[in-house]
Amino acid sequence: MKINLTSVKAYLLKEDFQQFWTYKSATWANKFLEDWATRTMRSKIEPMKKVATMLRKHKELILNWFRAGGELSSGPVEGLNNKAKLAMRKAYGFKTMECLQIALYHQLGGLNEPPLTHRFC
């Protein structure tokens, strides 16, 4: 019964945190975040306390989203990261770091491939 009570408390804290994203003002979002983190730290649920500590540590960076009016998206950055990871996966087995750099330049910069007699894909 005690384990179930702990999981219910954690679930309710998680659901309550979803209100954070409905705020329009960074000031009110900051107040909500501090109140939520305080309640979470008092809950004695260690994984949730880790989340609250992490959110407090990165609070200013998180609140930048509200200051920008929610207009910023990390989609382009995530897309570039995905392309870089794909290029590195394709480059598995390259003998030098220079070959990997060239592969990244071609993948991310959209550079044309030089003419080859055969393909290595």
PDB file of N, CA and C in Angstrom:
ATOM      1  N   MET A   1       0.821  -1.192   0.000  1.00  0.00           N
ATOM      2  CA  MET A   1       0.000   0.000   0.000  1.00  0.00           C
ATOM      3  C   MET A   1       0.868   1.259   0.000  1.00  0.00           C
ATOM      4  N   LYS A   2       2.006   1.222   0.712  1.00  0.00           N
ATOM      5  CA  LYS A   2       2.882   2.387   0.791  1.00  0.00           C
ATOM      6  C   LYS A   2       3.482   2.713  -0.576  1.00  0.00           C
ATOM      7  N   ILE A   3       3.873   1.668  -1.339  1.00  0.00           N
ATOM      8  CA  ILE A   3       4.446   1.889  -2.669  1.00  0.00           C
ATOM      9  C   ILE A   3       3.415   2.536  -3.576  1.00  0.00           C
ATOM     10  N   ASN A   4       2.178   2.060  -3.529  1.00  0.00           N
ATOM     11  CA  ASN A   4       1.129   2.633  -4.358  1.00  0.00           C
ATOM     12  C   ASN A   4       0.867   4.087  -4.000  1.00  0.00           C
ATOM     13  N   LEU A   5       0.903   4.418  -2.724  1.00  0.00           N
ATOM     14  CA  LEU A   5       0.682   5.790  -2.291  1.00  0.00           C
ATOM     15  C   LEU A   5       1.792   6.696  -2.824  1.00  0.00           C
ATOM     16  N   THR A   6       3.024   6.217  -2.799  1.00  0.00           N
ATOM     17  CA  THR A   6       4.148   6.991  -3.316  1.00  0.00           C
ATOM     18  C   THR A   6       4.002   7.219  -4.823  1.00  0.00           C
ATOM     19  N   SER A   7       3.618   6.189  -5.546  1.00  0.00           N
ATOM     20  CA  SER A   7       3.468   6.352  -6.991  1.00  0.00           C
ATOM     21  C   SER A   7       2.308   7.287  -7.330  1.00  0.00           C
ATOM     22  N   VAL A   8       1.256   7.261  -6.529  1.00  0.00           N
ATOM     23  CA  VAL A   8       0.134   8.178  -6.751  1.00  0.00           C
ATOM     24  C   VAL A   8       0.574   9.613  -6.500  1.00  0.00           C
ATOM     25  N   LYS A   9       1.331   9.829  -5.434  1.00  0.00           N
ATOM     26  CA  LYS A   9       1.839  11.188  -5.156  1.00  0.00           C
ATOM     27  C   LYS A   9       2.723  11.680  -6.302  1.00  0.00           C
ATOM     28  N   ALA A  10       3.608  10.806  -6.788  1.00  0.00           N
ATOM     29  CA  ALA A  10       4.496  11.182  -7.893  1.00  0.00           C
ATOM     30  C   ALA A  10       3.687  11.506  -9.145  1.00  0.00           C
ATOM     31  N   TYR A  11       2.667  10.715  -9.426  1.00  0.00           N
ATOM     32  CA  TYR A  11       1.820  10.956 -10.593  1.00  0.00           C
ATOM     33  C   TYR A  11       1.100  12.296 -10.472  1.00  0.00           C
ATOM     34  N   LEU A  12       0.577  12.593  -9.283  1.00  0.00           N
ATOM     35  CA  LEU A  12      -0.123  13.862  -9.083  1.00  0.00           C
ATOM     36  C   LEU A  12       0.818  15.054  -9.216  1.00  0.00           C
ATOM     37  N   LEU A  13       2.046  14.916  -8.719  1.00  0.00           N
ATOM     38  CA  LEU A  13       3.027  15.994  -8.886  1.00  0.00           C
ATOM     39  C   LEU A  13       3.346  16.203 -10.360  1.00  0.00           C
ATOM     40  N   LYS A  14       3.497  15.109 -11.096  1.00  0.00           N
ATOM     41  CA  LYS A  14       3.795  15.206 -12.524  1.00  0.00           C
ATOM     42  C   LYS A  14       2.649  15.891 -13.266  1.00  0.00           C
ATOM     43  N   GLU A  15       1.435  15.482 -12.969  1.00  0.00           N
ATOM     44  CA  GLU A  15       0.271  16.083 -13.622  1.00  0.00           C
ATOM     45  C   GLU A  15       0.123  17.554 -13.246  1.00  0.00           C
ATOM     46  N   ASP A  16       0.397  17.894 -12.005  1.00  0.00           N
ATOM     47  CA  ASP A  16       0.309  19.285 -11.567  1.00  0.00           C
ATOM     48  C   ASP A  16       1.328  20.149 -12.299  1.00  0.00           C
ATOM     49  N   PHE A  17       2.484  19.591 -12.593  1.00  0.00           N
ATOM     50  CA  PHE A  17       3.523  20.370 -13.274  1.00  0.00           C
ATOM     51  C   PHE A  17       3.109  20.759 -14.690  1.00  0.00           C
ATOM     52  N   GLN A  18       2.182  20.031 -15.305  1.00  0.00           N
ATOM     53  CA  GLN A  18       1.751  20.363 -16.663  1.00  0.00           C
ATOM     54  C   GLN A  18       1.147  21.760 -16.740  1.00  0.00           C
ATOM     55  N   GLN A  19       0.657  22.290 -15.625  1.00  0.00           N
ATOM     56  CA  GLN A  19       0.129  23.658 -15.601  1.00  0.00           C
ATOM     57  C   GLN A  19       1.221  24.682 -15.896  1.00  0.00           C
ATOM     58  N   PHE A  20       2.459  24.327 -15.632  1.00  0.00           N
ATOM     59  CA  PHE A  20       3.582  25.234 -15.837  1.00  0.00           C
ATOM     60  C   PHE A  20       3.595  25.784 -17.259  1.00  0.00           C
ATOM     61  N   TRP A  21       3.272  24.946 -18.238  1.00  0.00           N
ATOM     62  CA  TRP A  21       3.363  25.350 -19.639  1.00  0.00           C
ATOM     63  C   TRP A  21       2.190  26.219 -20.081  1.00  0.00           C
ATOM     64  N   THR A  22       1.188  26.407 -19.218  1.00  0.00           N
ATOM     65  CA  THR A  22       0.051  27.253 -19.589  1.00  0.00           C
ATOM     66  C   THR A  22       0.282  28.721 -19.273  1.00  0.00           C
ATOM     67  N   TYR A  23       1.318  29.024 -18.499  1.00  0.00           N
ATOM     68  CA  TYR A  23       1.587  30.416 -18.127  1.00  0.00           C
ATOM     69  C   TYR A  23       2.110  31.203 -19.314  1.00  0.00           C
ATOM     70  N   LYS A  24       1.783  32.482 -19.351  1.00  0.00           N
ATOM     71  CA  LYS A  24       2.265  33.390 -20.401  1.00  0.00           C
ATOM     72  C   LYS A  24       3.392  34.277 -19.891  1.00  0.00           C
ATOM     73  N   SER A  25       3.415  34.533 -18.596  1.00  0.00           N
ATOM     74  CA  SER A  25       4.384  35.439 -18.000  1.00  0.00           C
ATOM     75  C   SER A  25       5.511  34.649 -17.332  1.00  0.00           C
ATOM     76  N   ALA A  26       6.738  35.099 -17.538  1.00  0.00           N
ATOM     77  CA  ALA A  26       7.888  34.442 -16.905  1.00  0.00           C
ATOM     78  C   ALA A  26       7.836  34.602 -15.389  1.00  0.00           C
ATOM     79  N   THR A  27       7.281  35.703 -14.913  1.00  0.00           N
ATOM     80  CA  THR A  27       7.191  35.939 -13.468  1.00  0.00           C
ATOM     81  C   THR A  27       6.280  34.917 -12.806  1.00  0.00           C
ATOM     82  N   TRP A  28       5.093  34.706 -13.392  1.00  0.00           N
ATOM     83  CA  TRP A  28       4.154  33.744 -12.817  1.00  0.00           C
ATOM     84  C   TRP A  28       4.661  32.313 -12.985  1.00  0.00           C
ATOM     85  N   ALA A  29       5.307  32.053 -14.097  1.00  0.00           N
ATOM     86  CA  ALA A  29       5.880  30.712 -14.303  1.00  0.00           C
ATOM     87  C   ALA A  29       6.975  30.438 -13.277  1.00  0.00           C
ATOM     88  N   ASN A  30       7.771  31.456 -12.973  1.00  0.00           N
ATOM     89  CA  ASN A  30       8.827  31.329 -11.963  1.00  0.00           C
ATOM     90  C   ASN A  30       8.215  31.029 -10.597  1.00  0.00           C
ATOM     91  N   LYS A  31       7.157  31.743 -10.248  1.00  0.00           N
ATOM     92  CA  LYS A  31       6.490  31.512  -8.963  1.00  0.00           C
ATOM     93  C   LYS A  31       5.927  30.094  -8.893  1.00  0.00           C
ATOM     94  N   PHE A  32       5.266  29.669  -9.961  1.00  0.00           N
ATOM     95  CA  PHE A  32       4.724  28.311  -9.978  1.00  0.00           C
ATOM     96  C   PHE A  32       5.834  27.280  -9.844  1.00  0.00           C
ATOM     97  N   LEU A  33       6.931  27.484 -10.591  1.00  0.00           N
ATOM     98  CA  LEU A  33       8.046  26.538 -10.549  1.00  0.00           C
ATOM     99  C   LEU A  33       8.631  26.435  -9.145  1.00  0.00           C
ATOM    100  N   GLU A  34       8.801  27.561  -8.483  1.00  0.00           N
ATOM    101  CA  GLU A  34       9.338  27.541  -7.117  1.00  0.00           C
ATOM    102  C   GLU A  34       8.385  26.854  -6.145  1.00  0.00           C
ATOM    103  N   ASP A  35       7.091  27.164  -6.263  1.00  0.00           N
ATOM    104  CA  ASP A  35       6.097  26.518  -5.388  1.00  0.00           C
ATOM    105  C   ASP A  35       6.061  25.010  -5.621  1.00  0.00           C
ATOM    106  N   TRP A  36       6.071  24.614  -6.891  1.00  0.00           N
ATOM    107  CA  TRP A  36       6.033  23.193  -7.221  1.00  0.00           C
ATOM    108  C   TRP A  36       7.288  22.479  -6.715  1.00  0.00           C
ATOM    109  N   ALA A  37       8.447  23.113  -6.909  1.00  0.00           N
ATOM    110  CA  ALA A  37       9.700  22.499  -6.456  1.00  0.00           C
ATOM    111  C   ALA A  37       9.720  22.372  -4.933  1.00  0.00           C
ATOM    112  N   THR A  38       9.198  23.358  -4.221  1.00  0.00           N
ATOM    113  CA  THR A  38       9.143  23.286  -2.759  1.00  0.00           C
ATOM    114  C   THR A  38       8.250  22.138  -2.308  1.00  0.00           C
ATOM    115  N   ARG A  39       7.057  22.030  -2.922  1.00  0.00           N
ATOM    116  CA  ARG A  39       6.167  20.912  -2.571  1.00  0.00           C
ATOM    117  C   ARG A  39       6.808  19.565  -2.900  1.00  0.00           C
ATOM    118  N   THR A  40       7.509  19.515  -4.019  1.00  0.00           N
ATOM    119  CA  THR A  40       8.144  18.264  -4.437  1.00  0.00           C
ATOM    120  C   THR A  40       9.269  17.887  -3.484  1.00  0.00           C
ATOM    121  N   MET A  41      10.055  18.857  -3.040  1.00  0.00           N
ATOM    122  CA  MET A  41      11.148  18.562  -2.110  1.00  0.00           C
ATOM    123  C   MET A  41      10.600  18.063  -0.765  1.00  0.00           C
ATOM    124  N   ARG A  42       9.430  18.502  -0.383  1.00  0.00           N
ATOM    125  CA  ARG A  42       8.810  18.061   0.862  1.00  0.00           C
ATOM    126  C   ARG A  42       8.138  16.690   0.727  1.00  0.00           C
ATOM    127  N   SER A  43       7.977  16.205  -0.503  1.00  0.00           N
ATOM    128  CA  SER A  43       7.252  14.953  -0.731  1.00  0.00           C
ATOM    129  C   SER A  43       8.034  13.716  -0.316  1.00  0.00           C
ATOM    130  N   LYS A  44       9.341  13.822  -0.154  1.00  0.00           N
ATOM    131  CA  LYS A  44      10.208  12.715   0.240  1.00  0.00           C
ATOM    132  C   LYS A  44      10.263  11.604  -0.807  1.00  0.00           C
ATOM    133  N   ILE A  45       9.956  11.942  -2.046  1.00  0.00           N
ATOM    134  CA  ILE A  45      10.073  10.987  -3.146  1.00  0.00           C
ATOM    135  C   ILE A  45      11.370  11.329  -3.876  1.00  0.00           C
ATOM    136  N   GLU A  46      12.388  10.506  -3.709  1.00  0.00           N
ATOM    137  CA  GLU A  46      13.731  10.833  -4.192  1.00  0.00           C
ATOM    138  C   GLU A  46      13.803  11.126  -5.703  1.00  0.00           C
ATOM    139  N   PRO A  47      13.206  10.308  -6.581  1.00  0.00           N
ATOM    140  CA  PRO A  47      13.295  10.645  -8.007  1.00  0.00           C
ATOM    141  C   PRO A  47      12.660  11.997  -8.340  1.00  0.00           C
ATOM    142  N   MET A  48      11.557  12.318  -7.676  1.00  0.00           N
ATOM    143  CA  MET A  48      10.910  13.602  -7.918  1.00  0.00           C
ATOM    144  C   MET A  48      11.742  14.745  -7.351  1.00  0.00           C
ATOM    145  N   LYS A  49      12.431  14.494  -6.250  1.00  0.00           N
ATOM    146  CA  LYS A  49      13.314  15.512  -5.685  1.00  0.00           C
ATOM    147  C   LYS A  49      14.465  15.808  -6.636  1.00  0.00           C
ATOM    148  N   LYS A  50      14.947  14.770  -7.342  1.00  0.00           N
ATOM    149  CA  LYS A  50      16.006  14.982  -8.339  1.00  0.00           C
ATOM    150  C   LYS A  50      15.506  15.883  -9.469  1.00  0.00           C
ATOM    151  N   VAL A  51      14.270  15.645  -9.898  1.00  0.00           N
ATOM    152  CA  VAL A  51      13.687  16.467 -10.963  1.00  0.00           C
ATOM    153  C   VAL A  51      13.554  17.915 -10.498  1.00  0.00           C
ATOM    154  N   ALA A  52      13.062  18.109  -9.281  1.00  0.00           N
ATOM    155  CA  ALA A  52      12.895  19.466  -8.754  1.00  0.00           C
ATOM    156  C   ALA A  52      14.241  20.178  -8.651  1.00  0.00           C
ATOM    157  N   THR A  53      15.268  19.467  -8.204  1.00  0.00           N
ATOM    158  CA  THR A  53      16.605  20.059  -8.104  1.00  0.00           C
ATOM    159  C   THR A  53      17.127  20.443  -9.481  1.00  0.00           C
ATOM    160  N   MET A  54      16.930  19.563 -10.455  1.00  0.00           N
ATOM    161  CA  MET A  54      17.388  19.840 -11.814  1.00  0.00           C
ATOM    162  C   MET A  54      16.644  21.043 -12.402  1.00  0.00           C
ATOM    163  N   LEU A  55      15.341  21.124 -12.171  1.00  0.00           N
ATOM    164  CA  LEU A  55      14.572  22.264 -12.684  1.00  0.00           C
ATOM    165  C   LEU A  55      15.013  23.569 -12.038  1.00  0.00           C
ATOM    166  N   ARG A  56      15.296  23.525 -10.758  1.00  0.00           N
ATOM    167  CA  ARG A  56      15.782  24.741 -10.087  1.00  0.00           C
ATOM    168  C   ARG A  56      17.146  25.154 -10.638  1.00  0.00           C
ATOM    169  N   LYS A  57      17.993  24.179 -10.919  1.00  0.00           N
ATOM    170  CA  LYS A  57      19.331  24.484 -11.425  1.00  0.00           C
ATOM    171  C   LYS A  57      19.261  25.149 -12.806  1.00  0.00           C
ATOM    172  N   HIS A  58      18.296  24.729 -13.619  1.00  0.00           N
ATOM    173  CA  HIS A  58      18.179  25.242 -14.987  1.00  0.00           C
ATOM    174  C   HIS A  58      17.016  26.230 -15.136  1.00  0.00           C
ATOM    175  N   LYS A  59      16.568  26.766 -14.029  1.00  0.00           N
ATOM    176  CA  LYS A  59      15.378  27.625 -14.028  1.00  0.00           C
ATOM    177  C   LYS A  59      15.490  28.792 -14.996  1.00  0.00           C
ATOM    178  N   GLU A  60      16.589  29.503 -14.980  1.00  0.00           N
ATOM    179  CA  GLU A  60      16.720  30.686 -15.842  1.00  0.00           C
ATOM    180  C   GLU A  60      16.658  30.315 -17.316  1.00  0.00           C
ATOM    181  N   LEU A  61      17.255  29.199 -17.677  1.00  0.00           N
ATOM    182  CA  LEU A  61      17.209  28.765 -19.076  1.00  0.00           C
ATOM    183  C   LEU A  61      15.794  28.350 -19.471  1.00  0.00           C
ATOM    184  N   ILE A  62      15.082  27.707 -18.571  1.00  0.00           N
ATOM    185  CA  ILE A  62      13.704  27.301 -18.846  1.00  0.00           C
ATOM    186  C   ILE A  62      12.809  28.524 -18.981  1.00  0.00           C
ATOM    187  N   LEU A  63      13.007  29.511 -18.118  1.00  0.00           N
ATOM    188  CA  LEU A  63      12.172  30.715 -18.155  1.00  0.00           C
ATOM    189  C   LEU A  63      12.426  31.556 -19.398  1.00  0.00           C
ATOM    190  N   ASN A  64      13.556  31.352 -20.071  1.00  0.00           N
ATOM    191  CA  ASN A  64      13.812  32.058 -21.330  1.00  0.00           C
ATOM    192  C   ASN A  64      12.742  31.739 -22.368  1.00  0.00           C
ATOM    193  N   TRP A  65      12.172  30.552 -22.295  1.00  0.00           N
ATOM    194  CA  TRP A  65      11.116  30.168 -23.224  1.00  0.00           C
ATOM    195  C   TRP A  65       9.914  31.102 -23.051  1.00  0.00           C
ATOM    196  N   PHE A  66       9.599  31.450 -21.814  1.00  0.00           N
ATOM    197  CA  PHE A  66       8.480  32.360 -21.553  1.00  0.00           C
ATOM    198  C   PHE A  66       8.841  33.779 -21.975  1.00  0.00           C
ATOM    199  N   ARG A  67      10.079  34.163 -21.741  1.00  0.00           N
ATOM    200  CA  ARG A  67      10.511  35.514 -22.128  1.00  0.00           C
ATOM    201  C   ARG A  67      10.463  35.697 -23.643  1.00  0.00           C
ATOM    202  N   ALA A  68      10.667  34.621 -24.375  1.00  0.00           N
ATOM    203  CA  ALA A  68      10.623  34.683 -25.839  1.00  0.00           C
ATOM    204  C   ALA A  68       9.194  34.534 -26.358  1.00  0.00           C
ATOM    205  N   GLY A  69       8.255  34.408 -25.457  1.00  0.00           N
ATOM    206  CA  GLY A  69       6.858  34.289 -25.854  1.00  0.00           C
ATOM    207  C   GLY A  69       6.505  32.933 -26.427  1.00  0.00           C
ATOM    208  N   GLY A  70       7.300  31.922 -26.142  1.00  0.00           N
ATOM    209  CA  GLY A  70       7.034  30.583 -26.641  1.00  0.00           C
ATOM    210  C   GLY A  70       7.243  30.441 -28.135  1.00  0.00           C
ATOM    211  N   GLU A  71       7.929  31.419 -28.739  1.00  0.00           N
ATOM    212  CA  GLU A  71       8.103  31.402 -30.190  1.00  0.00           C
ATOM    213  C   GLU A  71       9.354  30.669 -30.641  1.00  0.00           C
ATOM    214  N   LEU A  72      10.206  30.290 -29.712  1.00  0.00           N
ATOM    215  CA  LEU A  72      11.430  29.588 -30.088  1.00  0.00           C
ATOM    216  C   LEU A  72      11.199  28.092 -30.090  1.00  0.00           C
ATOM    217  N   SER A  73      11.794  27.442 -31.039  1.00  0.00           N
ATOM    218  CA  SER A  73      11.681  25.997 -31.139  1.00  0.00           C
ATOM    219  C   SER A  73      13.077  25.413 -31.278  1.00  0.00           C
ATOM    220  N   SER A  74      13.285  24.270 -30.669  1.00  0.00           N
ATOM    221  CA  SER A  74      14.577  23.610 -30.791  1.00  0.00           C
ATOM    222  C   SER A  74      14.591  22.652 -31.971  1.00  0.00           C
ATOM    223  N   GLY A  75      13.551  22.685 -32.791  1.00  0.00           N
ATOM    224  CA  GLY A  75      13.451  21.785 -33.934  1.00  0.00           C
ATOM    225  C   GLY A  75      14.626  21.860 -34.890  1.00  0.00           C
ATOM    226  N   PRO A  76      15.047  23.062 -35.325  1.00  0.00           N
ATOM    227  CA  PRO A  76      16.191  23.130 -36.247  1.00  0.00           C
ATOM    228  C   PRO A  76      17.475  22.565 -35.644  1.00  0.00           C
ATOM    229  N   VAL A  77      17.712  22.822 -34.384  1.00  0.00           N
ATOM    230  CA  VAL A  77      18.916  22.296 -33.729  1.00  0.00           C
ATOM    231  C   VAL A  77      18.850  20.777 -33.639  1.00  0.00           C
ATOM    232  N   GLU A  78      17.668  20.267 -33.272  1.00  0.00           N
ATOM    233  CA  GLU A  78      17.502  18.813 -33.188  1.00  0.00           C
ATOM    234  C   GLU A  78      17.696  18.177 -34.564  1.00  0.00           C
ATOM    235  N   GLY A  79      17.232  18.847 -35.607  1.00  0.00           N
ATOM    236  CA  GLY A  79      17.420  18.333 -36.964  1.00  0.00           C
ATOM    237  C   GLY A  79      18.888  18.247 -37.340  1.00  0.00           C
ATOM    238  N   LEU A  80      19.648  19.299 -37.001  1.00  0.00           N
ATOM    239  CA  LEU A  80      21.089  19.264 -37.289  1.00  0.00           C
ATOM    240  C   LEU A  80      21.792  18.172 -36.481  1.00  0.00           C
ATOM    241  N   ASN A  81      21.413  18.019 -35.217  1.00  0.00           N
ATOM    242  CA  ASN A  81      21.997  16.957 -34.398  1.00  0.00           C
ATOM    243  C   ASN A  81      21.712  15.587 -35.002  1.00  0.00           C
ATOM    244  N   ASN A  82      20.488  15.395 -35.483  1.00  0.00           N
ATOM    245  CA  ASN A  82      20.123  14.121 -36.082  1.00  0.00           C
ATOM    246  C   ASN A  82      20.943  13.852 -37.338  1.00  0.00           C
ATOM    247  N   LYS A  83      21.126  14.888 -38.177  1.00  0.00           N
ATOM    248  CA  LYS A  83      21.939  14.723 -39.381  1.00  0.00           C
ATOM    249  C   LYS A  83      23.393  14.411 -39.036  1.00  0.00           C
ATOM    250  N   ALA A  84      23.917  15.071 -37.996  1.00  0.00           N
ATOM    251  CA  ALA A  84      25.305  14.819 -37.586  1.00  0.00           C
ATOM    252  C   ALA A  84      25.459  13.386 -37.082  1.00  0.00           C
ATOM    253  N   LYS A  85      24.507  12.912 -36.294  1.00  0.00           N
ATOM    254  CA  LYS A  85      24.570  11.534 -35.797  1.00  0.00           C
ATOM    255  C   LYS A  85      24.512  10.543 -36.947  1.00  0.00           C
ATOM    256  N   LEU A  86      23.658  10.821 -37.926  1.00  0.00           N
ATOM    257  CA  LEU A  86      23.547   9.940 -39.084  1.00  0.00           C
ATOM    258  C   LEU A  86      24.859   9.904 -39.857  1.00  0.00           C
ATOM    259  N   ALA A  87      25.487  11.059 -40.048  1.00  0.00           N
ATOM    260  CA  ALA A  87      26.772  11.104 -40.758  1.00  0.00           C
ATOM    261  C   ALA A  87      27.837  10.327 -39.995  1.00  0.00           C
ATOM    262  N   MET A  88      27.835  10.437 -38.667  1.00  0.00           N
ATOM    263  CA  MET A  88      28.831   9.705 -37.876  1.00  0.00           C
ATOM    264  C   MET A  88      28.582   8.200 -37.927  1.00  0.00           C
ATOM    265  N   ARG A  89      27.317   7.805 -37.985  1.00  0.00           N
ATOM    266  CA  ARG A  89      27.010   6.376 -38.112  1.00  0.00           C
ATOM    267  C   ARG A  89      27.483   5.846 -39.456  1.00  0.00           C
ATOM    268  N   LYS A  90      27.247   6.634 -40.506  1.00  0.00           N
ATOM    269  CA  LYS A  90      27.703   6.233 -41.837  1.00  0.00           C
ATOM    270  C   LYS A  90      29.232   6.187 -41.900  1.00  0.00           C
ATOM    271  N   ALA A  91      29.897   7.032 -41.093  1.00  0.00           N
ATOM    272  CA  ALA A  91      31.355   7.132 -41.120  1.00  0.00           C
ATOM    273  C   ALA A  91      32.023   6.088 -40.244  1.00  0.00           C
ATOM    274  N   TYR A  92      31.244   5.179 -39.658  1.00  0.00           N
ATOM    275  CA  TYR A  92      31.823   4.150 -38.792  1.00  0.00           C
ATOM    276  C   TYR A  92      32.866   3.362 -39.576  1.00  0.00           C
ATOM    277  N   GLY A  93      34.048   3.283 -39.037  1.00  0.00           N
ATOM    278  CA  GLY A  93      35.129   2.556 -39.694  1.00  0.00           C
ATOM    279  C   GLY A  93      36.115   3.456 -40.415  1.00  0.00           C
ATOM    280  N   PHE A  94      35.835   4.763 -40.477  1.00  0.00           N
ATOM    281  CA  PHE A  94      36.819   5.665 -41.077  1.00  0.00           C
ATOM    282  C   PHE A  94      38.091   5.612 -40.251  1.00  0.00           C
ATOM    283  N   LYS A  95      39.205   5.697 -40.900  1.00  0.00           N
ATOM    284  CA  LYS A  95      40.482   5.525 -40.213  1.00  0.00           C
ATOM    285  C   LYS A  95      40.967   6.798 -39.516  1.00  0.00           C
ATOM    286  N   THR A  96      40.564   7.964 -40.016  1.00  0.00           N
ATOM    287  CA  THR A  96      41.058   9.207 -39.427  1.00  0.00           C
ATOM    288  C   THR A  96      39.898  10.137 -39.077  1.00  0.00           C
ATOM    289  N   MET A  97      40.183  11.053 -38.184  1.00  0.00           N
ATOM    290  CA  MET A  97      39.189  12.056 -37.796  1.00  0.00           C
ATOM    291  C   MET A  97      38.923  13.008 -38.958  1.00  0.00           C
ATOM    292  N   GLU A  98      39.909  13.210 -39.796  1.00  0.00           N
ATOM    293  CA  GLU A  98      39.750  14.101 -40.949  1.00  0.00           C
ATOM    294  C   GLU A  98      38.661  13.583 -41.895  1.00  0.00           C
ATOM    295  N   CYS A  99      38.600  12.271 -42.076  1.00  0.00           N
ATOM    296  CA  CYS A  99      37.551  11.690 -42.929  1.00  0.00           C
ATOM    297  C   CYS A  99      36.171  11.945 -42.333  1.00  0.00           C
ATOM    298  N   LEU A 100      36.061  11.829 -41.011  1.00  0.00           N
ATOM    299  CA  LEU A 100      34.790  12.100 -40.350  1.00  0.00           C
ATOM    300  C   LEU A 100      34.415  13.571 -40.516  1.00  0.00           C
ATOM    301  N   GLN A 101      35.380  14.469 -40.365  1.00  0.00           N
ATOM    302  CA  GLN A 101      35.100  15.903 -40.544  1.00  0.00           C
ATOM    303  C   GLN A 101      34.601  16.187 -41.952  1.00  0.00           C
ATOM    304  N   ILE A 102      35.213  15.595 -42.950  1.00  0.00           N
ATOM    305  CA  ILE A 102      34.789  15.809 -44.334  1.00  0.00           C
ATOM    306  C   ILE A 102      33.364  15.299 -44.530  1.00  0.00           C
ATOM    307  N   ALA A 103      33.064  14.126 -43.945  1.00  0.00           N
ATOM    308  CA  ALA A 103      31.711  13.577 -44.056  1.00  0.00           C
ATOM    309  C   ALA A 103      30.701  14.513 -43.398  1.00  0.00           C
ATOM    310  N   LEU A 104      31.056  15.093 -42.247  1.00  0.00           N
ATOM    311  CA  LEU A 104      30.151  16.035 -41.570  1.00  0.00           C
ATOM    312  C   LEU A 104      29.962  17.303 -42.391  1.00  0.00           C
ATOM    313  N   TYR A 105      31.038  17.819 -42.975  1.00  0.00           N
ATOM    314  CA  TYR A 105      30.919  19.009 -43.817  1.00  0.00           C
ATOM    315  C   TYR A 105      29.974  18.753 -44.989  1.00  0.00           C
ATOM    316  N   HIS A 106      30.097  17.598 -45.605  1.00  0.00           N
ATOM    317  CA  HIS A 106      29.247  17.289 -46.745  1.00  0.00           C
ATOM    318  C   HIS A 106      27.798  17.093 -46.323  1.00  0.00           C
ATOM    319  N   GLN A 107      27.591  16.420 -45.205  1.00  0.00           N
ATOM    320  CA  GLN A 107      26.223  16.155 -44.735  1.00  0.00           C
ATOM    321  C   GLN A 107      25.541  17.436 -44.261  1.00  0.00           C
ATOM    322  N   LEU A 108      26.200  18.218 -43.428  1.00  0.00           N
ATOM    323  CA  LEU A 108      25.573  19.388 -42.823  1.00  0.00           C
ATOM    324  C   LEU A 108      25.632  20.625 -43.710  1.00  0.00           C
ATOM    325  N   GLY A 109      26.644  20.693 -44.548  1.00  0.00           N
ATOM    326  CA  GLY A 109      26.783  21.872 -45.388  1.00  0.00           C
ATOM    327  C   GLY A 109      26.125  21.728 -46.739  1.00  0.00           C
ATOM    328  N   GLY A 110      25.639  20.531 -47.047  1.00  0.00           N
ATOM    329  CA  GLY A 110      25.000  20.316 -48.341  1.00  0.00           C
ATOM    330  C   GLY A 110      25.983  20.423 -49.491  1.00  0.00           C
ATOM    331  N   LEU A 111      27.243  20.117 -49.248  1.00  0.00           N
ATOM    332  CA  LEU A 111      28.255  20.200 -50.301  1.00  0.00           C
ATOM    333  C   LEU A 111      28.105  19.030 -51.271  1.00  0.00           C
ATOM    334  N   ASN A 112      28.489  19.267 -52.503  1.00  0.00           N
ATOM    335  CA  ASN A 112      28.439  18.203 -53.502  1.00  0.00           C
ATOM    336  C   ASN A 112      29.528  17.181 -53.240  1.00  0.00           C
ATOM    337  N   GLU A 113      29.217  15.941 -53.533  1.00  0.00           N
ATOM    338  CA  GLU A 113      30.230  14.895 -53.393  1.00  0.00           C
ATOM    339  C   GLU A 113      31.130  14.918 -54.618  1.00  0.00           C
ATOM    340  N   PRO A 114      32.425  14.699 -54.406  1.00  0.00           N
ATOM    341  CA  PRO A 114      33.313  14.641 -55.567  1.00  0.00           C
ATOM    342  C   PRO A 114      33.013  13.377 -56.377  1.00  0.00           C
ATOM    343  N   PRO A 115      33.311  13.401 -57.664  1.00  0.00           N
ATOM    344  CA  PRO A 115      33.044  12.212 -58.479  1.00  0.00           C
ATOM    345  C   PRO A 115      33.903  11.038 -58.008  1.00  0.00           C
ATOM    346  N   LEU A 116      33.267   9.879 -57.875  1.00  0.00           N
ATOM    347  CA  LEU A 116      33.961   8.663 -57.436  1.00  0.00           C
ATOM    348  C   LEU A 116      33.742   7.573 -58.476  1.00  0.00           C
ATOM    349  N   THR A 117      34.650   6.613 -58.463  1.00  0.00           N
ATOM    350  CA  THR A 117      34.480   5.490 -59.361  1.00  0.00           C
ATOM    351  C   THR A 117      33.478   4.486 -58.815  1.00  0.00           C
ATOM    352  N   HIS A 118      33.286   4.474 -57.511  1.00  0.00           N
ATOM    353  CA  HIS A 118      32.289   3.598 -56.884  1.00  0.00           C
ATOM    354  C   HIS A 118      31.838   4.236 -55.565  1.00  0.00           C
ATOM    355  N   ARG A 119      30.727   3.737 -55.013  1.00  0.00           N
ATOM    356  CA  ARG A 119      30.194   4.263 -53.748  1.00  0.00           C
ATOM    357  C   ARG A 119      30.497   3.289 -52.636  1.00  0.00           C
ATOM    358  N   PHE A 120      30.650   3.827 -51.427  1.00  0.00           N
ATOM    359  CA  PHE A 120      30.983   3.025 -50.242  1.00  0.00           C
ATOM    360  C   PHE A 120      29.767   2.782 -49.349  1.00  0.00           C
ATOM    361  N   CYS A 121      28.580   3.162 -49.760  1.00  0.00           N
ATOM    362  CA  CYS A 121      27.385   3.039 -48.895  1.00  0.00           C
ATOM    363  C   CYS A 121      26.863   1.638 -48.824  1.00  0.00           C
TER     364      CYS A 121
END
